[in-house]
Amino acid sequence: MRYEAGIELSEAIIYLINKIQEFNILGLIISFIAIIIIGNFLLYPIGEAALIYGVKDHEKANSSAIGKGTRKFFMMLEFS
């Protein structure tokens, strides 16, 4: 059972690799990976801090919460 599943998985991987080579979308895949990494390590903490400040001071505009989140995030990087 596991042997057959492994064979099917390897055939699926080979099929995907062939399609990537056929359509020449390797650069697109690398770009998507870079965007995901930047979004995970940079934009997610800024957005989380902005949400915290937005909930804390809900009378103010959301742009001020984003500004506070950005300032706190970059300050955190300086002092790590």
PDB file of N, CA and C in Angstrom:
ATOM      1  N   MET A   1       0.822  -1.183   0.000  1.00  0.00           N
ATOM      2  CA  MET A   1       0.000   0.000   0.000  1.00  0.00           C
ATOM      3  C   MET A   1       0.875   1.260   0.000  1.00  0.00           C
ATOM      4  N   ARG A   2       1.831   1.336   0.925  1.00  0.00           N
ATOM      5  CA  ARG A   2       2.687   2.517   0.986  1.00  0.00           C
ATOM      6  C   ARG A   2       3.599   2.593  -0.234  1.00  0.00           C
ATOM      7  N   TYR A   3       4.018   1.450  -0.726  1.00  0.00           N
ATOM      8  CA  TYR A   3       4.874   1.426  -1.900  1.00  0.00           C
ATOM      9  C   TYR A   3       4.147   2.026  -3.105  1.00  0.00           C
ATOM     10  N   GLU A   4       2.878   1.630  -3.272  1.00  0.00           N
ATOM     11  CA  GLU A   4       2.091   2.157  -4.385  1.00  0.00           C
ATOM     12  C   GLU A   4       1.836   3.655  -4.227  1.00  0.00           C
ATOM     13  N   ALA A   5       1.607   4.109  -3.004  1.00  0.00           N
ATOM     14  CA  ALA A   5       1.400   5.535  -2.762  1.00  0.00           C
ATOM     15  C   ALA A   5       2.681   6.312  -3.063  1.00  0.00           C
ATOM     16  N   GLY A   6       3.818   5.747  -2.719  1.00  0.00           N
ATOM     17  CA  GLY A   6       5.092   6.392  -3.018  1.00  0.00           C
ATOM     18  C   GLY A   6       5.335   6.498  -4.508  1.00  0.00           C
ATOM     19  N   ILE A   7       4.963   5.460  -5.242  1.00  0.00           N
ATOM     20  CA  ILE A   7       5.122   5.492  -6.700  1.00  0.00           C
ATOM     21  C   ILE A   7       4.208   6.562  -7.304  1.00  0.00           C
ATOM     22  N   GLU A   8       2.965   6.634  -6.840  1.00  0.00           N
ATOM     23  CA  GLU A   8       2.037   7.645  -7.350  1.00  0.00           C
ATOM     24  C   GLU A   8       2.522   9.050  -7.012  1.00  0.00           C
ATOM     25  N   LEU A   9       3.072   9.237  -5.828  1.00  0.00           N
ATOM     26  CA  LEU A   9       3.588  10.546  -5.434  1.00  0.00           C
ATOM     27  C   LEU A   9       4.791  10.928  -6.294  1.00  0.00           C
ATOM     28  N   SER A  10       5.681   9.986  -6.544  1.00  0.00           N
ATOM     29  CA  SER A  10       6.847  10.293  -7.378  1.00  0.00           C
ATOM     30  C   SER A  10       6.420  10.602  -8.806  1.00  0.00           C
ATOM     31  N   GLU A  11       5.400   9.911  -9.317  1.00  0.00           N
ATOM     32  CA  GLU A  11       4.902  10.224 -10.660  1.00  0.00           C
ATOM     33  C   GLU A  11       4.271  11.612 -10.702  1.00  0.00           C
ATOM     34  N   ALA A  12       3.581  11.999  -9.633  1.00  0.00           N
ATOM     35  CA  ALA A  12       2.981  13.335  -9.578  1.00  0.00           C
ATOM     36  C   ALA A  12       4.063  14.405  -9.540  1.00  0.00           C
ATOM     37  N   ILE A  13       5.125  14.177  -8.790  1.00  0.00           N
ATOM     38  CA  ILE A  13       6.224  15.141  -8.717  1.00  0.00           C
ATOM     39  C   ILE A  13       6.919  15.258 -10.072  1.00  0.00           C
ATOM     40  N   ILE A  14       7.145  14.139 -10.716  1.00  0.00           N
ATOM     41  CA  ILE A  14       7.772  14.163 -12.044  1.00  0.00           C
ATOM     42  C   ILE A  14       6.881  14.910 -13.032  1.00  0.00           C
ATOM     43  N   TYR A  15       5.565  14.706 -12.966  1.00  0.00           N
ATOM     44  CA  TYR A  15       4.627  15.409 -13.841  1.00  0.00           C
ATOM     45  C   TYR A  15       4.698  16.914 -13.599  1.00  0.00           C
ATOM     46  N   LEU A  16       4.729  17.338 -12.328  1.00  0.00           N
ATOM     47  CA  LEU A  16       4.812  18.767 -12.023  1.00  0.00           C
ATOM     48  C   LEU A  16       6.121  19.369 -12.521  1.00  0.00           C
ATOM     49  N   ILE A  17       7.215  18.675 -12.339  1.00  0.00           N
ATOM     50  CA  ILE A  17       8.513  19.171 -12.814  1.00  0.00           C
ATOM     51  C   ILE A  17       8.504  19.302 -14.330  1.00  0.00           C
ATOM     52  N   ASN A  18       7.920  18.338 -15.027  1.00  0.00           N
ATOM     53  CA  ASN A  18       7.841  18.420 -16.487  1.00  0.00           C
ATOM     54  C   ASN A  18       6.983  19.594 -16.933  1.00  0.00           C
ATOM     55  N   LYS A  19       5.873  19.836 -16.249  1.00  0.00           N
ATOM     56  CA  LYS A  19       5.008  20.970 -16.612  1.00  0.00           C
ATOM     57  C   LYS A  19       5.704  22.298 -16.347  1.00  0.00           C
ATOM     58  N   ILE A  20       6.459  22.387 -15.256  1.00  0.00           N
ATOM     59  CA  ILE A  20       7.218  23.607 -14.961  1.00  0.00           C
ATOM     60  C   ILE A  20       8.246  23.861 -16.061  1.00  0.00           C
ATOM     61  N   GLN A  21       8.926  22.833 -16.497  1.00  0.00           N
ATOM     62  CA  GLN A  21       9.904  22.993 -17.563  1.00  0.00           C
ATOM     63  C   GLN A  21       9.231  23.297 -18.901  1.00  0.00           C
ATOM     64  N   GLU A  22       8.076  22.690 -19.135  1.00  0.00           N
ATOM     65  CA  GLU A  22       7.365  22.893 -20.397  1.00  0.00           C
ATOM     66  C   GLU A  22       6.873  24.331 -20.540  1.00  0.00           C
ATOM     67  N   PHE A  23       6.315  24.889 -19.475  1.00  0.00           N
ATOM     68  CA  PHE A  23       5.771  26.242 -19.542  1.00  0.00           C
ATOM     69  C   PHE A  23       6.785  27.308 -19.151  1.00  0.00           C
ATOM     70  N   ASN A  24       7.965  26.897 -18.720  1.00  0.00           N
ATOM     71  CA  ASN A  24       9.053  27.808 -18.353  1.00  0.00           C
ATOM     72  C   ASN A  24       8.584  28.836 -17.319  1.00  0.00           C
ATOM     73  N   ILE A  25       8.054  28.347 -16.207  1.00  0.00           N
ATOM     74  CA  ILE A  25       7.543  29.234 -15.157  1.00  0.00           C
ATOM     75  C   ILE A  25       8.387  29.153 -13.892  1.00  0.00           C
ATOM     76  N   LEU A  26       9.625  28.776 -14.031  1.00  0.00           N
ATOM     77  CA  LEU A  26      10.493  28.670 -12.867  1.00  0.00           C
ATOM     78  C   LEU A  26      10.712  30.031 -12.215  1.00  0.00           C
ATOM     79  N   GLY A  27      10.879  31.075 -13.029  1.00  0.00           N
ATOM     80  CA  GLY A  27      11.048  32.424 -12.487  1.00  0.00           C
ATOM     81  C   GLY A  27       9.818  32.883 -11.722  1.00  0.00           C
ATOM     82  N   LEU A  28       8.646  32.514 -12.213  1.00  0.00           N
ATOM     83  CA  LEU A  28       7.401  32.869 -11.536  1.00  0.00           C
ATOM     84  C   LEU A  28       7.294  32.178 -10.177  1.00  0.00           C
ATOM     85  N   ILE A  29       7.687  30.931 -10.120  1.00  0.00           N
ATOM     86  CA  ILE A  29       7.641  30.186  -8.860  1.00  0.00           C
ATOM     87  C   ILE A  29       8.630  30.785  -7.858  1.00  0.00           C
ATOM     88  N   ILE A  30       9.824  31.134  -8.318  1.00  0.00           N
ATOM     89  CA  ILE A  30      10.814  31.753  -7.432  1.00  0.00           C
ATOM     90  C   ILE A  30      10.303  33.095  -6.933  1.00  0.00           C
ATOM     91  N   SER A  31       9.630  33.851  -7.795  1.00  0.00           N
ATOM     92  CA  SER A  31       9.060  35.143  -7.388  1.00  0.00           C
ATOM     93  C   SER A  31       7.985  34.949  -6.323  1.00  0.00           C
ATOM     94  N   PHE A  32       7.116  33.966  -6.505  1.00  0.00           N
ATOM     95  CA  PHE A  32       6.075  33.695  -5.509  1.00  0.00           C
ATOM     96  C   PHE A  32       6.687  33.305  -4.162  1.00  0.00           C
ATOM     97  N   ILE A  33       7.736  32.509  -4.184  1.00  0.00           N
ATOM     98  CA  ILE A  33       8.398  32.111  -2.941  1.00  0.00           C
ATOM     99  C   ILE A  33       9.002  33.331  -2.255  1.00  0.00           C
ATOM    100  N   ALA A  34       9.624  34.227  -3.024  1.00  0.00           N
ATOM    101  CA  ALA A  34      10.209  35.446  -2.446  1.00  0.00           C
ATOM    102  C   ALA A  34       9.119  36.330  -1.844  1.00  0.00           C
ATOM    103  N   ILE A  35       7.987  36.451  -2.525  1.00  0.00           N
ATOM    104  CA  ILE A  35       6.881  37.262  -2.008  1.00  0.00           C
ATOM    105  C   ILE A  35       6.340  36.669  -0.715  1.00  0.00           C
ATOM    106  N   ILE A  36       6.218  35.365  -0.653  1.00  0.00           N
ATOM    107  CA  ILE A  36       5.722  34.710   0.561  1.00  0.00           C
ATOM    108  C   ILE A  36       6.694  34.917   1.718  1.00  0.00           C
ATOM    109  N   ILE A  37       7.986  34.811   1.455  1.00  0.00           N
ATOM    110  CA  ILE A  37       8.980  35.007   2.517  1.00  0.00           C
ATOM    111  C   ILE A  37       8.951  36.439   3.021  1.00  0.00           C
ATOM    112  N   ILE A  38       8.907  37.409   2.101  1.00  0.00           N
ATOM    113  CA  ILE A  38       8.854  38.815   2.518  1.00  0.00           C
ATOM    114  C   ILE A  38       7.570  39.092   3.289  1.00  0.00           C
ATOM    115  N   GLY A  39       6.473  38.556   2.821  1.00  0.00           N
ATOM    116  CA  GLY A  39       5.203  38.761   3.517  1.00  0.00           C
ATOM    117  C   GLY A  39       5.187  38.147   4.896  1.00  0.00           C
ATOM    118  N   ASN A  40       5.822  37.005   5.041  1.00  0.00           N
ATOM    119  CA  ASN A  40       5.815  36.330   6.330  1.00  0.00           C
ATOM    120  C   ASN A  40       6.712  37.019   7.344  1.00  0.00           C
ATOM    121  N   PHE A  41       7.884  37.466   6.926  1.00  0.00           N
ATOM    122  CA  PHE A  41       8.842  38.030   7.864  1.00  0.00           C
ATOM    123  C   PHE A  41       8.751  39.534   8.031  1.00  0.00           C
ATOM    124  N   LEU A  42       8.077  40.228   7.114  1.00  0.00           N
ATOM    125  CA  LEU A  42       8.061  41.681   7.193  1.00  0.00           C
ATOM    126  C   LEU A  42       6.647  42.225   7.350  1.00  0.00           C
ATOM    127  N   LEU A  43       5.762  41.851   6.459  1.00  0.00           N
ATOM    128  CA  LEU A  43       4.426  42.443   6.472  1.00  0.00           C
ATOM    129  C   LEU A  43       3.533  41.880   7.576  1.00  0.00           C
ATOM    130  N   TYR A  44       3.673  40.621   7.901  1.00  0.00           N
ATOM    131  CA  TYR A  44       2.814  40.022   8.924  1.00  0.00           C
ATOM    132  C   TYR A  44       3.013  40.664  10.301  1.00  0.00           C
ATOM    133  N   PRO A  45       4.253  40.856  10.789  1.00  0.00           N
ATOM    134  CA  PRO A  45       4.408  41.513  12.101  1.00  0.00           C
ATOM    135  C   PRO A  45       3.937  42.962  12.102  1.00  0.00           C
ATOM    136  N   ILE A  46       4.139  43.684  10.990  1.00  0.00           N
ATOM    137  CA  ILE A  46       3.661  45.060  10.921  1.00  0.00           C
ATOM    138  C   ILE A  46       2.139  45.082  10.978  1.00  0.00           C
ATOM    139  N   GLY A  47       1.503  44.194  10.248  1.00  0.00           N
ATOM    140  CA  GLY A  47       0.039  44.125  10.269  1.00  0.00           C
ATOM    141  C   GLY A  47      -0.500  43.718  11.623  1.00  0.00           C
ATOM    142  N   GLU A  48       0.184  42.805  12.277  1.00  0.00           N
ATOM    143  CA  GLU A  48      -0.254  42.375  13.604  1.00  0.00           C
ATOM    144  C   GLU A  48      -0.151  43.518  14.612  1.00  0.00           C
ATOM    145  N   ALA A  49       0.956  44.273  14.569  1.00  0.00           N
ATOM    146  CA  ALA A  49       1.104  45.420  15.460  1.00  0.00           C
ATOM    147  C   ALA A  49       0.063  46.488  15.146  1.00  0.00           C
ATOM    148  N   ALA A  50      -0.233  46.677  13.864  1.00  0.00           N
ATOM    149  CA  ALA A  50      -1.252  47.661  13.484  1.00  0.00           C
ATOM    150  C   ALA A  50      -2.621  47.238  14.002  1.00  0.00           C
ATOM    151  N   LEU A  51      -2.932  45.955  13.959  1.00  0.00           N
ATOM    152  CA  LEU A  51      -4.212  45.484  14.501  1.00  0.00           C
ATOM    153  C   LEU A  51      -4.286  45.699  16.007  1.00  0.00           C
ATOM    154  N   ILE A  52      -3.190  45.454  16.698  1.00  0.00           N
ATOM    155  CA  ILE A  52      -3.177  45.659  18.153  1.00  0.00           C
ATOM    156  C   ILE A  52      -3.428  47.117  18.483  1.00  0.00           C
ATOM    157  N   TYR A  53      -2.727  48.021  17.781  1.00  0.00           N
ATOM    158  CA  TYR A  53      -2.932  49.445  18.044  1.00  0.00           C
ATOM    159  C   TYR A  53      -4.307  49.908  17.565  1.00  0.00           C
ATOM    160  N   GLY A  54      -4.817  49.318  16.504  1.00  0.00           N
ATOM    161  CA  GLY A  54      -6.146  49.677  16.021  1.00  0.00           C
ATOM    162  C   GLY A  54      -7.241  49.290  17.002  1.00  0.00           C
ATOM    163  N   VAL A  55      -7.096  48.136  17.633  1.00  0.00           N
ATOM    164  CA  VAL A  55      -8.072  47.703  18.638  1.00  0.00           C
ATOM    165  C   VAL A  55      -7.916  48.525  19.918  1.00  0.00           C
ATOM    166  N   LYS A  56      -6.680  48.843  20.247  1.00  0.00           N
ATOM    167  CA  LYS A  56      -6.407  49.593  21.471  1.00  0.00           C
ATOM    168  C   LYS A  56      -6.959  51.024  21.381  1.00  0.00           C
ATOM    169  N   ASP A  57      -6.725  51.689  20.264  1.00  0.00           N
ATOM    170  CA  ASP A  57      -7.218  53.055  20.049  1.00  0.00           C
ATOM    171  C   ASP A  57      -8.211  53.044  18.896  1.00  0.00           C
ATOM    172  N   HIS A  58      -9.380  52.501  19.108  1.00  0.00           N
ATOM    173  CA  HIS A  58     -10.328  52.334  18.008  1.00  0.00           C
ATOM    174  C   HIS A  58     -10.976  53.641  17.572  1.00  0.00           C
ATOM    175  N   GLU A  59     -10.774  54.737  18.301  1.00  0.00           N
ATOM    176  CA  GLU A  59     -11.319  56.021  17.876  1.00  0.00           C
ATOM    177  C   GLU A  59     -10.495  56.648  16.752  1.00  0.00           C
ATOM    178  N   LYS A  60      -9.205  56.311  16.694  1.00  0.00           N
ATOM    179  CA  LYS A  60      -8.318  56.905  15.685  1.00  0.00           C
ATOM    180  C   LYS A  60      -8.453  56.155  14.362  1.00  0.00           C
ATOM    181  N   ALA A  61      -7.893  56.757  13.338  1.00  0.00           N
ATOM    182  CA  ALA A  61      -7.955  56.166  12.001  1.00  0.00           C
ATOM    183  C   ALA A  61      -7.037  54.954  11.898  1.00  0.00           C
ATOM    184  N   ASN A  62      -7.324  54.099  10.936  1.00  0.00           N
ATOM    185  CA  ASN A  62      -6.501  52.902  10.741  1.00  0.00           C
ATOM    186  C   ASN A  62      -5.106  53.250  10.238  1.00  0.00           C
ATOM    187  N   SER A  63      -4.967  54.357   9.516  1.00  0.00           N
ATOM    188  CA  SER A  63      -3.648  54.721   9.012  1.00  0.00           C
ATOM    189  C   SER A  63      -2.691  55.061  10.149  1.00  0.00           C
ATOM    190  N   SER A  64      -3.211  55.651  11.219  1.00  0.00           N
ATOM    191  CA  SER A  64      -2.329  55.924  12.361  1.00  0.00           C
ATOM    192  C   SER A  64      -1.910  54.626  13.039  1.00  0.00           C
ATOM    193  N   ALA A  65      -2.792  53.628  13.049  1.00  0.00           N
ATOM    194  CA  ALA A  65      -2.435  52.324  13.628  1.00  0.00           C
ATOM    195  C   ALA A  65      -1.360  51.648  12.785  1.00  0.00           C
ATOM    196  N   ILE A  66      -1.455  51.763  11.469  1.00  0.00           N
ATOM    197  CA  ILE A  66      -0.427  51.184  10.595  1.00  0.00           C
ATOM    198  C   ILE A  66       0.898  51.900  10.808  1.00  0.00           C
ATOM    199  N   GLY A  67       0.854  53.225  10.964  1.00  0.00           N
ATOM    200  CA  GLY A  67       2.082  53.982  11.231  1.00  0.00           C
ATOM    201  C   GLY A  67       2.723  53.577  12.540  1.00  0.00           C
ATOM    202  N   LYS A  68       1.912  53.406  13.587  1.00  0.00           N
ATOM    203  CA  LYS A  68       2.462  52.968  14.877  1.00  0.00           C
ATOM    204  C   LYS A  68       3.040  51.566  14.778  1.00  0.00           C
ATOM    205  N   GLY A  69       2.346  50.684  14.078  1.00  0.00           N
ATOM    206  CA  GLY A  69       2.849  49.322  13.910  1.00  0.00           C
ATOM    207  C   GLY A  69       4.162  49.286  13.163  1.00  0.00           C
ATOM    208  N   THR A  70       4.302  50.134  12.141  1.00  0.00           N
ATOM    209  CA  THR A  70       5.553  50.197  11.378  1.00  0.00           C
ATOM    210  C   THR A  70       6.689  50.740  12.230  1.00  0.00           C
ATOM    211  N   ARG A  71       6.418  51.796  12.989  1.00  0.00           N
ATOM    212  CA  ARG A  71       7.472  52.370  13.840  1.00  0.00           C
ATOM    213  C   ARG A  71       7.927  51.370  14.903  1.00  0.00           C
ATOM    214  N   LYS A  72       6.987  50.676  15.528  1.00  0.00           N
ATOM    215  CA  LYS A  72       7.364  49.706  16.566  1.00  0.00           C
ATOM    216  C   LYS A  72       8.120  48.525  15.966  1.00  0.00           C
ATOM    217  N   PHE A  73       7.741  48.105  14.759  1.00  0.00           N
ATOM    218  CA  PHE A  73       8.408  46.962  14.142  1.00  0.00           C
ATOM    219  C   PHE A  73       9.866  47.281  13.852  1.00  0.00           C
ATOM    220  N   PHE A  74      10.140  48.434  13.238  1.00  0.00           N
ATOM    221  CA  PHE A  74      11.521  48.759  12.892  1.00  0.00           C
ATOM    222  C   PHE A  74      12.351  49.069  14.133  1.00  0.00           C
ATOM    223  N   MET A  75      11.732  49.575  15.179  1.00  0.00           N
ATOM    224  CA  MET A  75      12.445  49.771  16.425  1.00  0.00           C
ATOM    225  C   MET A  75      12.843  48.419  17.018  1.00  0.00           C
ATOM    226  N   MET A  76      11.961  47.435  16.895  1.00  0.00           N
ATOM    227  CA  MET A  76      12.241  46.098  17.388  1.00  0.00           C
ATOM    228  C   MET A  76      13.442  45.500  16.663  1.00  0.00           C
ATOM    229  N   LEU A  77      13.569  45.780  15.350  1.00  0.00           N
ATOM    230  CA  LEU A  77      14.705  45.247  14.592  1.00  0.00           C
ATOM    231  C   LEU A  77      16.024  45.874  15.024  1.00  0.00           C
ATOM    232  N   GLU A  78      16.002  47.151  15.422  1.00  0.00           N
ATOM    233  CA  GLU A  78      17.229  47.811  15.845  1.00  0.00           C
ATOM    234  C   GLU A  78      17.788  47.227  17.129  1.00  0.00           C
ATOM    235  N   PHE A  79      16.912  46.885  18.064  1.00  0.00           N
ATOM    236  CA  PHE A  79      17.353  46.412  19.365  1.00  0.00           C
ATOM    237  C   PHE A  79      17.371  44.897  19.498  1.00  0.00           C
ATOM    238  N   SER A  80      16.818  44.213  18.560  1.00  0.00           N
ATOM    239  CA  SER A  80      16.680  42.756  18.525  1.00  0.00           C
ATOM    240  C   SER A  80      17.069  42.146  19.841  1.00  0.00           C
TER     241      SER A  80
END
